[in-house]
Amino acid sequence: MDMDLLIELAVRAVKAYLEKEGVVAAPAPVEPRKALVLTEEHCGETCSIENYGSELCKVDCALAQNYEVNVDDYDVVVVRSMTNSNLFKIANGCTDNKFLALAAEAILKGKRVIMVKECVEILKYAETAPKALYNNIYKNLQILLDSGVELVEEENVKTALTDGIEVPAEVPATPAPAAVKEEAPAPAPKAENDDSVLVLTKRVITERDIKAAAAQHYTKIQLPEKPVITYLAKDTAFELGIELL
């Protein structure tokens, strides 16, 4: 008999026995995400595990490894050092160094890419730059946002990295109580009893959330307190006629 099949049958048998005996198995450990930080400057605070990493997300610094990394090994890429020159080059396909090449590769492969807002140079001149020049440079940023890049404030990056991870509650193995009649789960909350309103409890709202709401024919989204909404999410909501409450 095939060894893999034998193992699968054994696992099924053990599971069936535990269910029969009313024993609740401990939840499987959550596999942490892997994030890659792209930066052109060495900085302990920028690349440290304490800054972006957590039990739910393991963080590596590309610069610390001389950019000898494989983008495919990571779930999300955090981009810093976004000068006006780097912004122009990535938006126009000019990847003449390892930093730019990795950033462009992540975007082209459809990876989730987070750009730290405070590290985008053009945004620092929003109040002082001539409008024509500012708009000309900003259009490069808009190209990346339209390509799915998320613009997130520094203080919210760590939250964004673990957004959507569901951590199962730890349940000790214990005999199950006497069988009782199961009650139907409570329905998902609705805002003001309006079926057209989708209530979101997650703090970071992305384009994916807006499109998912539209696919379910929602016309309004009830946001949590102090939400973090990406620029692309706002644009998508406007284009699809979805009101953010």
C-alpha atoms as a PDB file:
ATOM      1  CA  MET A   1       0.000   0.000   0.000  1.00  0.00           C
ATOM      2  CA  ASP A   2       1.195   3.539  -0.784  1.00  0.00           C
ATOM      3  CA  MET A   3       2.779   5.110   2.338  1.00  0.00           C
ATOM      4  CA  ASP A   4       0.989   8.468   1.899  1.00  0.00           C
ATOM      5  CA  LEU A   5      -2.350   6.683   1.632  1.00  0.00           C
ATOM      6  CA  LEU A   6      -1.558   4.603   4.707  1.00  0.00           C
ATOM      7  CA  ILE A   7      -0.755   7.741   6.725  1.00  0.00           C
ATOM      8  CA  GLU A   8      -3.952   9.458   5.541  1.00  0.00           C
ATOM      9  CA  LEU A   9      -6.068   6.456   6.541  1.00  0.00           C
ATOM     10  CA  ALA A  10      -4.412   6.376   9.960  1.00  0.00           C
ATOM     11  CA  VAL A  11      -5.093  10.084  10.491  1.00  0.00           C
ATOM     12  CA  ARG A  12      -8.717   9.630   9.511  1.00  0.00           C
ATOM     13  CA  ALA A  13      -9.100   6.713  11.897  1.00  0.00           C
ATOM     14  CA  VAL A  14      -7.627   8.659  14.818  1.00  0.00           C
ATOM     15  CA  LYS A  15      -9.807  11.686  14.023  1.00  0.00           C
ATOM     16  CA  ALA A  16     -12.937   9.530  13.873  1.00  0.00           C
ATOM     17  CA  TYR A  17     -12.073   7.931  17.212  1.00  0.00           C
ATOM     18  CA  LEU A  18     -11.503  11.306  18.892  1.00  0.00           C
ATOM     19  CA  GLU A  19     -14.803  12.622  17.563  1.00  0.00           C
ATOM     20  CA  LYS A  20     -16.573   9.517  18.788  1.00  0.00           C
ATOM     21  CA  GLU A  21     -15.044   9.898  22.272  1.00  0.00           C
ATOM     22  CA  GLY A  22     -15.886  13.605  22.375  1.00  0.00           C
ATOM     23  CA  VAL A  23     -12.270  14.737  22.611  1.00  0.00           C
ATOM     24  CA  VAL A  24     -11.536  18.208  21.234  1.00  0.00           C
ATOM     25  CA  ALA A  25      -8.167  18.386  19.538  1.00  0.00           C
ATOM     26  CA  ALA A  26      -5.936  21.439  19.993  1.00  0.00           C
ATOM     27  CA  PRO A  27      -6.064  23.873  17.054  1.00  0.00           C
ATOM     28  CA  ALA A  28      -3.370  23.634  14.428  1.00  0.00           C
ATOM     29  CA  PRO A  29      -0.667  26.297  14.768  1.00  0.00           C
ATOM     30  CA  VAL A  30      -1.012  29.289  12.488  1.00  0.00           C
ATOM     31  CA  GLU A  31       1.643  29.402   9.787  1.00  0.00           C
ATOM     32  CA  PRO A  32       3.176  32.887   9.980  1.00  0.00           C
ATOM     33  CA  ARG A  33       3.295  35.053   6.898  1.00  0.00           C
ATOM     34  CA  LYS A  34       6.617  36.042   5.410  1.00  0.00           C
ATOM     35  CA  ALA A  35       7.288  39.688   4.604  1.00  0.00           C
ATOM     36  CA  LEU A  36      10.224  41.202   2.747  1.00  0.00           C
ATOM     37  CA  VAL A  37      11.341  44.763   3.451  1.00  0.00           C
ATOM     38  CA  LEU A  38      12.882  46.588   0.482  1.00  0.00           C
ATOM     39  CA  THR A  39      14.965  49.612   1.409  1.00  0.00           C
ATOM     40  CA  GLU A  40      18.096  51.328   0.118  1.00  0.00           C
ATOM     41  CA  GLU A  41      19.356  52.405   3.524  1.00  0.00           C
ATOM     42  CA  HIS A  42      20.513  50.287   6.445  1.00  0.00           C
ATOM     43  CA  CYS A  43      18.492  51.089   9.528  1.00  0.00           C
ATOM     44  CA  GLY A  44      18.072  48.899  12.566  1.00  0.00           C
ATOM     45  CA  GLU A  45      14.647  50.351  13.321  1.00  0.00           C
ATOM     46  CA  THR A  46      13.479  49.895   9.738  1.00  0.00           C
ATOM     47  CA  CYS A  47      14.492  46.273   9.362  1.00  0.00           C
ATOM     48  CA  SER A  48      14.125  44.946  12.901  1.00  0.00           C
ATOM     49  CA  ILE A  49      11.690  42.235  13.836  1.00  0.00           C
ATOM     50  CA  GLU A  50      10.463  44.478  16.652  1.00  0.00           C
ATOM     51  CA  ASN A  51       9.287  47.104  14.164  1.00  0.00           C
ATOM     52  CA  TYR A  52       7.334  45.051  11.624  1.00  0.00           C
ATOM     53  CA  GLY A  53       7.584  41.435  12.716  1.00  0.00           C
ATOM     54  CA  SER A  54       5.392  39.443  15.079  1.00  0.00           C
ATOM     55  CA  GLU A  55       4.409  35.864  15.845  1.00  0.00           C
ATOM     56  CA  LEU A  56       2.066  36.101  12.872  1.00  0.00           C
ATOM     57  CA  CYS A  57       4.532  37.570  10.408  1.00  0.00           C
ATOM     58  CA  LYS A  58       8.225  36.838   9.915  1.00  0.00           C
ATOM     59  CA  VAL A  59      10.126  39.765   8.395  1.00  0.00           C
ATOM     60  CA  ASP A  60      13.348  39.720   6.361  1.00  0.00           C
ATOM     61  CA  CYS A  61      15.377  42.675   5.106  1.00  0.00           C
ATOM     62  CA  ALA A  62      16.506  42.393   1.485  1.00  0.00           C
ATOM     63  CA  LEU A  63      19.327  44.885   1.978  1.00  0.00           C
ATOM     64  CA  ALA A  64      20.747  42.870   4.886  1.00  0.00           C
ATOM     65  CA  GLN A  65      21.062  39.989   2.418  1.00  0.00           C
ATOM     66  CA  ASN A  66      22.509  42.198  -0.342  1.00  0.00           C
ATOM     67  CA  TYR A  67      19.214  41.755  -2.223  1.00  0.00           C
ATOM     68  CA  GLU A  68      20.009  38.077  -2.829  1.00  0.00           C
ATOM     69  CA  VAL A  69      16.434  37.005  -2.104  1.00  0.00           C
ATOM     70  CA  ASN A  70      13.605  35.321  -3.966  1.00  0.00           C
ATOM     71  CA  VAL A  71      10.364  37.320  -4.101  1.00  0.00           C
ATOM     72  CA  ASP A  72       8.411  34.084  -4.538  1.00  0.00           C
ATOM     73  CA  ASP A  73       9.345  33.081  -0.979  1.00  0.00           C
ATOM     74  CA  TYR A  74       7.306  35.950   0.498  1.00  0.00           C
ATOM     75  CA  ASP A  75       3.618  36.699   0.942  1.00  0.00           C
ATOM     76  CA  VAL A  76       3.979  40.475   1.087  1.00  0.00           C
ATOM     77  CA  VAL A  77       6.644  43.039   0.206  1.00  0.00           C
ATOM     78  CA  VAL A  78       7.100  46.334   2.090  1.00  0.00           C
ATOM     79  CA  VAL A  79       8.722  49.061  -0.019  1.00  0.00           C
ATOM     80  CA  ARG A  80      10.563  52.025   1.471  1.00  0.00           C
ATOM     81  CA  SER A  81      13.092  54.518  -0.024  1.00  0.00           C
ATOM     82  CA  MET A  82      10.595  55.649  -2.674  1.00  0.00           C
ATOM     83  CA  THR A  83      12.370  58.728  -4.005  1.00  0.00           C
ATOM     84  CA  ASN A  84      10.969  60.579  -7.004  1.00  0.00           C
ATOM     85  CA  SER A  85      13.639  58.931  -9.143  1.00  0.00           C
ATOM     86  CA  ASN A  86      12.786  55.417  -7.921  1.00  0.00           C
ATOM     87  CA  LEU A  87       9.090  56.119  -8.363  1.00  0.00           C
ATOM     88  CA  PHE A  88       9.627  57.178 -11.981  1.00  0.00           C
ATOM     89  CA  LYS A  89      11.821  54.179 -12.769  1.00  0.00           C
ATOM     90  CA  ILE A  90       9.470  51.528 -11.371  1.00  0.00           C
ATOM     91  CA  ALA A  91       6.397  53.108 -13.010  1.00  0.00           C
ATOM     92  CA  ASN A  92       8.184  53.183 -16.355  1.00  0.00           C
ATOM     93  CA  GLY A  93       9.859  49.778 -16.227  1.00  0.00           C
ATOM     94  CA  CYS A  94      13.423  50.983 -15.641  1.00  0.00           C
ATOM     95  CA  THR A  95      14.903  48.567 -13.088  1.00  0.00           C
ATOM     96  CA  ASP A  96      18.610  49.357 -13.209  1.00  0.00           C
ATOM     97  CA  ASN A  97      19.509  48.087  -9.729  1.00  0.00           C
ATOM     98  CA  LYS A  98      18.589  45.177  -7.458  1.00  0.00           C
ATOM     99  CA  PHE A  99      16.292  47.253  -5.243  1.00  0.00           C
ATOM    100  CA  LEU A 100      14.177  48.428  -8.172  1.00  0.00           C
ATOM    101  CA  ALA A 101      14.253  45.005  -9.825  1.00  0.00           C
ATOM    102  CA  LEU A 102      12.822  43.293  -6.733  1.00  0.00           C
ATOM    103  CA  ALA A 103      10.139  45.949  -6.257  1.00  0.00           C
ATOM    104  CA  ALA A 104       9.055  45.719  -9.889  1.00  0.00           C
ATOM    105  CA  GLU A 105       9.113  41.915  -9.828  1.00  0.00           C
ATOM    106  CA  ALA A 106       6.841  41.830  -6.782  1.00  0.00           C
ATOM    107  CA  ILE A 107       4.308  44.105  -8.485  1.00  0.00           C
ATOM    108  CA  LEU A 108       4.431  42.253 -11.817  1.00  0.00           C
ATOM    109  CA  LYS A 109       3.949  38.894 -10.080  1.00  0.00           C
ATOM    110  CA  GLY A 110       0.844  40.162  -8.291  1.00  0.00           C
ATOM    111  CA  LYS A 111       2.362  40.020  -4.828  1.00  0.00           C
ATOM    112  CA  ARG A 112       0.796  42.132  -2.135  1.00  0.00           C
ATOM    113  CA  VAL A 113       2.988  45.239  -2.047  1.00  0.00           C
ATOM    114  CA  ILE A 114       2.791  47.810   0.742  1.00  0.00           C
ATOM    115  CA  MET A 115       4.462  51.188   0.197  1.00  0.00           C
ATOM    116  CA  VAL A 116       5.234  53.172   3.342  1.00  0.00           C
ATOM    117  CA  LYS A 117       3.567  56.561   2.914  1.00  0.00           C
ATOM    118  CA  GLU A 118       6.199  58.523   4.844  1.00  0.00           C
ATOM    119  CA  CYS A 119       8.894  57.126   2.533  1.00  0.00           C
ATOM    120  CA  VAL A 120       7.303  58.454  -0.681  1.00  0.00           C
ATOM    121  CA  GLU A 121       9.251  61.627  -1.494  1.00  0.00           C
ATOM    122  CA  ILE A 122       6.687  63.392  -3.698  1.00  0.00           C
ATOM    123  CA  LEU A 123       4.085  63.370  -0.902  1.00  0.00           C
ATOM    124  CA  LYS A 124       6.373  65.524   1.230  1.00  0.00           C
ATOM    125  CA  TYR A 125       5.930  68.396  -1.256  1.00  0.00           C
ATOM    126  CA  ALA A 126       2.135  68.295  -1.496  1.00  0.00           C
ATOM    127  CA  GLU A 127       1.800  71.763   0.073  1.00  0.00           C
ATOM    128  CA  THR A 128       4.787  73.479  -1.561  1.00  0.00           C
ATOM    129  CA  ALA A 129       5.413  72.078  -5.047  1.00  0.00           C
ATOM    130  CA  PRO A 130       4.018  73.806  -8.147  1.00  0.00           C
ATOM    131  CA  LYS A 131       0.815  71.996  -9.086  1.00  0.00           C
ATOM    132  CA  ALA A 132       1.935  71.091 -12.614  1.00  0.00           C
ATOM    133  CA  LEU A 133       5.226  69.584 -11.429  1.00  0.00           C
ATOM    134  CA  TYR A 134       3.616  67.808  -8.485  1.00  0.00           C
ATOM    135  CA  ASN A 135       0.928  66.239 -10.676  1.00  0.00           C
ATOM    136  CA  ASN A 136       3.514  65.148 -13.236  1.00  0.00           C
ATOM    137  CA  ILE A 137       5.513  63.266 -10.595  1.00  0.00           C
ATOM    138  CA  TYR A 138       2.440  62.022  -8.721  1.00  0.00           C
ATOM    139  CA  LYS A 139       1.137  60.281 -11.842  1.00  0.00           C
ATOM    140  CA  ASN A 140       3.977  57.755 -11.414  1.00  0.00           C
ATOM    141  CA  LEU A 141       2.710  56.970  -7.940  1.00  0.00           C
ATOM    142  CA  GLN A 142      -0.829  56.680  -9.296  1.00  0.00           C
ATOM    143  CA  ILE A 143       0.353  54.075 -11.815  1.00  0.00           C
ATOM    144  CA  LEU A 144       1.616  51.910  -8.963  1.00  0.00           C
ATOM    145  CA  LEU A 145      -1.543  52.435  -6.905  1.00  0.00           C
ATOM    146  CA  ASP A 146      -3.650  51.471  -9.911  1.00  0.00           C
ATOM    147  CA  SER A 147      -1.497  48.339 -10.186  1.00  0.00           C
ATOM    148  CA  GLY A 148      -2.507  47.217  -6.697  1.00  0.00           C
ATOM    149  CA  VAL A 149       0.217  48.752  -4.525  1.00  0.00           C
ATOM    150  CA  GLU A 150      -1.138  49.793  -1.119  1.00  0.00           C
ATOM    151  CA  LEU A 151      -0.061  53.095   0.432  1.00  0.00           C
ATOM    152  CA  VAL A 152       0.019  52.631   4.207  1.00  0.00           C
ATOM    153  CA  GLU A 153       1.193  54.935   6.984  1.00  0.00           C
ATOM    154  CA  GLU A 154       4.252  53.790   8.926  1.00  0.00           C
ATOM    155  CA  GLU A 155       2.358  53.228  12.183  1.00  0.00           C
ATOM    156  CA  ASN A 156      -0.139  50.945  10.448  1.00  0.00           C
ATOM    157  CA  VAL A 157       2.270  48.738   8.507  1.00  0.00           C
ATOM    158  CA  LYS A 158       2.550  46.077  11.218  1.00  0.00           C
ATOM    159  CA  THR A 159      -1.237  45.829  11.414  1.00  0.00           C
ATOM    160  CA  ALA A 160      -1.506  45.610   7.624  1.00  0.00           C
ATOM    161  CA  LEU A 161       1.009  42.739   7.514  1.00  0.00           C
ATOM    162  CA  THR A 162      -1.178  40.548   9.703  1.00  0.00           C
ATOM    163  CA  ASP A 163      -4.504  41.753   8.328  1.00  0.00           C
ATOM    164  CA  GLY A 164      -6.901  38.896   7.639  1.00  0.00           C
ATOM    165  CA  ILE A 165      -5.020  36.215   9.605  1.00  0.00           C
ATOM    166  CA  GLU A 166      -7.472  34.214  11.684  1.00  0.00           C
ATOM    167  CA  VAL A 167      -5.977  32.864  14.889  1.00  0.00           C
ATOM    168  CA  PRO A 168      -7.868  29.860  16.278  1.00  0.00           C
ATOM    169  CA  ALA A 169      -8.623  29.974  19.980  1.00  0.00           C
ATOM    170  CA  GLU A 170      -6.681  27.502  22.074  1.00  0.00           C
ATOM    171  CA  VAL A 171      -9.011  24.805  23.321  1.00  0.00           C
ATOM    172  CA  PRO A 172      -7.622  22.219  25.781  1.00  0.00           C
ATOM    173  CA  ALA A 173      -8.346  18.586  25.054  1.00  0.00           C
ATOM    174  CA  THR A 174     -11.269  17.654  27.248  1.00  0.00           C
ATOM    175  CA  PRO A 175     -14.201  15.239  27.151  1.00  0.00           C
ATOM    176  CA  ALA A 176     -17.204  16.746  25.482  1.00  0.00           C
ATOM    177  CA  PRO A 177     -20.312  17.424  27.626  1.00  0.00           C
ATOM    178  CA  ALA A 178     -23.563  15.605  27.107  1.00  0.00           C
ATOM    179  CA  ALA A 179     -25.026  16.148  23.687  1.00  0.00           C
ATOM    180  CA  VAL A 180     -27.182  19.228  23.415  1.00  0.00           C
ATOM    181  CA  LYS A 181     -29.206  20.675  20.627  1.00  0.00           C
ATOM    182  CA  GLU A 182     -27.043  22.976  18.547  1.00  0.00           C
ATOM    183  CA  GLU A 183     -28.340  26.464  17.997  1.00  0.00           C
ATOM    184  CA  ALA A 184     -28.065  28.084  14.621  1.00  0.00           C
ATOM    185  CA  PRO A 185     -25.234  30.635  14.420  1.00  0.00           C
ATOM    186  CA  ALA A 186     -26.253  34.265  14.736  1.00  0.00           C
ATOM    187  CA  PRO A 187     -26.550  36.086  11.392  1.00  0.00           C
ATOM    188  CA  ALA A 188     -23.852  38.540  10.365  1.00  0.00           C
ATOM    189  CA  PRO A 189     -24.500  42.048  11.738  1.00  0.00           C
ATOM    190  CA  LYS A 190     -26.281  44.533   9.531  1.00  0.00           C
ATOM    191  CA  ALA A 191     -26.082  48.292   9.923  1.00  0.00           C
ATOM    192  CA  GLU A 192     -29.438  49.863  10.596  1.00  0.00           C
ATOM    193  CA  ASN A 193     -31.195  46.716   9.318  1.00  0.00           C
ATOM    194  CA  ASP A 194     -30.164  47.620   5.793  1.00  0.00           C
ATOM    195  CA  ASP A 195     -29.354  44.553   3.677  1.00  0.00           C
ATOM    196  CA  SER A 196     -27.323  46.709   1.302  1.00  0.00           C
ATOM    197  CA  VAL A 197     -24.780  47.580   4.021  1.00  0.00           C
ATOM    198  CA  LEU A 198     -21.738  45.372   4.622  1.00  0.00           C
ATOM    199  CA  VAL A 199     -20.240  45.663   8.113  1.00  0.00           C
ATOM    200  CA  LEU A 200     -16.459  45.269   8.233  1.00  0.00           C
ATOM    201  CA  THR A 201     -14.611  44.784  11.510  1.00  0.00           C
ATOM    202  CA  LYS A 202     -11.085  44.632  10.080  1.00  0.00           C
ATOM    203  CA  ARG A 203      -9.146  47.865  10.463  1.00  0.00           C
ATOM    204  CA  VAL A 204      -7.175  47.950   7.195  1.00  0.00           C
ATOM    205  CA  ILE A 205      -9.481  48.274   4.176  1.00  0.00           C
ATOM    206  CA  THR A 206      -8.024  47.420   0.757  1.00  0.00           C
ATOM    207  CA  GLU A 207      -9.192  47.315  -2.838  1.00  0.00           C
ATOM    208  CA  ARG A 208      -9.906  43.582  -2.429  1.00  0.00           C
ATOM    209  CA  ASP A 209     -12.469  44.333   0.284  1.00  0.00           C
ATOM    210  CA  ILE A 210     -14.265  46.871  -1.901  1.00  0.00           C
ATOM    211  CA  LYS A 211     -14.410  44.525  -4.893  1.00  0.00           C
ATOM    212  CA  ALA A 212     -15.612  41.670  -2.676  1.00  0.00           C
ATOM    213  CA  ALA A 213     -18.433  43.885  -1.372  1.00  0.00           C
ATOM    214  CA  ALA A 214     -19.390  44.873  -4.919  1.00  0.00           C
ATOM    215  CA  ALA A 215     -19.453  41.224  -5.991  1.00  0.00           C
ATOM    216  CA  GLN A 216     -22.002  40.578  -3.238  1.00  0.00           C
ATOM    217  CA  HIS A 217     -24.110  43.532  -4.436  1.00  0.00           C
ATOM    218  CA  TYR A 218     -23.507  45.723  -1.389  1.00  0.00           C
ATOM    219  CA  THR A 219     -23.849  49.454  -1.981  1.00  0.00           C
ATOM    220  CA  LYS A 220     -22.568  50.626   1.412  1.00  0.00           C
ATOM    221  CA  ILE A 221     -19.779  49.529   3.735  1.00  0.00           C
ATOM    222  CA  GLN A 222     -19.893  50.233   7.462  1.00  0.00           C
ATOM    223  CA  LEU A 223     -16.278  50.822   8.553  1.00  0.00           C
ATOM    224  CA  PRO A 224     -14.827  50.139  12.024  1.00  0.00           C
ATOM    225  CA  GLU A 225     -13.599  52.884  14.312  1.00  0.00           C
ATOM    226  CA  LYS A 226     -10.391  54.579  13.068  1.00  0.00           C
ATOM    227  CA  PRO A 227     -10.087  52.546   9.837  1.00  0.00           C
ATOM    228  CA  VAL A 228      -7.029  52.545   7.586  1.00  0.00           C
ATOM    229  CA  ILE A 229      -8.233  52.862   3.986  1.00  0.00           C
ATOM    230  CA  THR A 230      -5.786  52.581   1.103  1.00  0.00           C
ATOM    231  CA  TYR A 231      -5.942  55.141  -1.677  1.00  0.00           C
ATOM    232  CA  LEU A 232      -6.788  52.424  -4.201  1.00  0.00           C
ATOM    233  CA  ALA A 233      -9.641  51.225  -1.989  1.00  0.00           C
ATOM    234  CA  LYS A 234     -11.123  54.731  -1.919  1.00  0.00           C
ATOM    235  CA  ASP A 235     -10.827  55.073  -5.706  1.00  0.00           C
ATOM    236  CA  THR A 236     -12.378  51.650  -6.272  1.00  0.00           C
ATOM    237  CA  ALA A 237     -15.278  52.440  -3.947  1.00  0.00           C
ATOM    238  CA  PHE A 238     -15.930  55.677  -5.847  1.00  0.00           C
ATOM    239  CA  GLU A 239     -15.780  53.949  -9.234  1.00  0.00           C
ATOM    240  CA  LEU A 240     -18.138  51.160  -8.133  1.00  0.00           C
ATOM    241  CA  GLY A 241     -20.550  53.530  -6.404  1.00  0.00           C
ATOM    242  CA  ILE A 242     -20.030  52.078  -2.949  1.00  0.00           C
ATOM    243  CA  GLU A 243     -20.515  54.467  -0.030  1.00  0.00           C
ATOM    244  CA  LEU A 244     -18.081  54.166   2.894  1.00  0.00           C
ATOM    245  CA  LEU A 245     -19.822  54.875   6.211  1.00  0.00           C
END
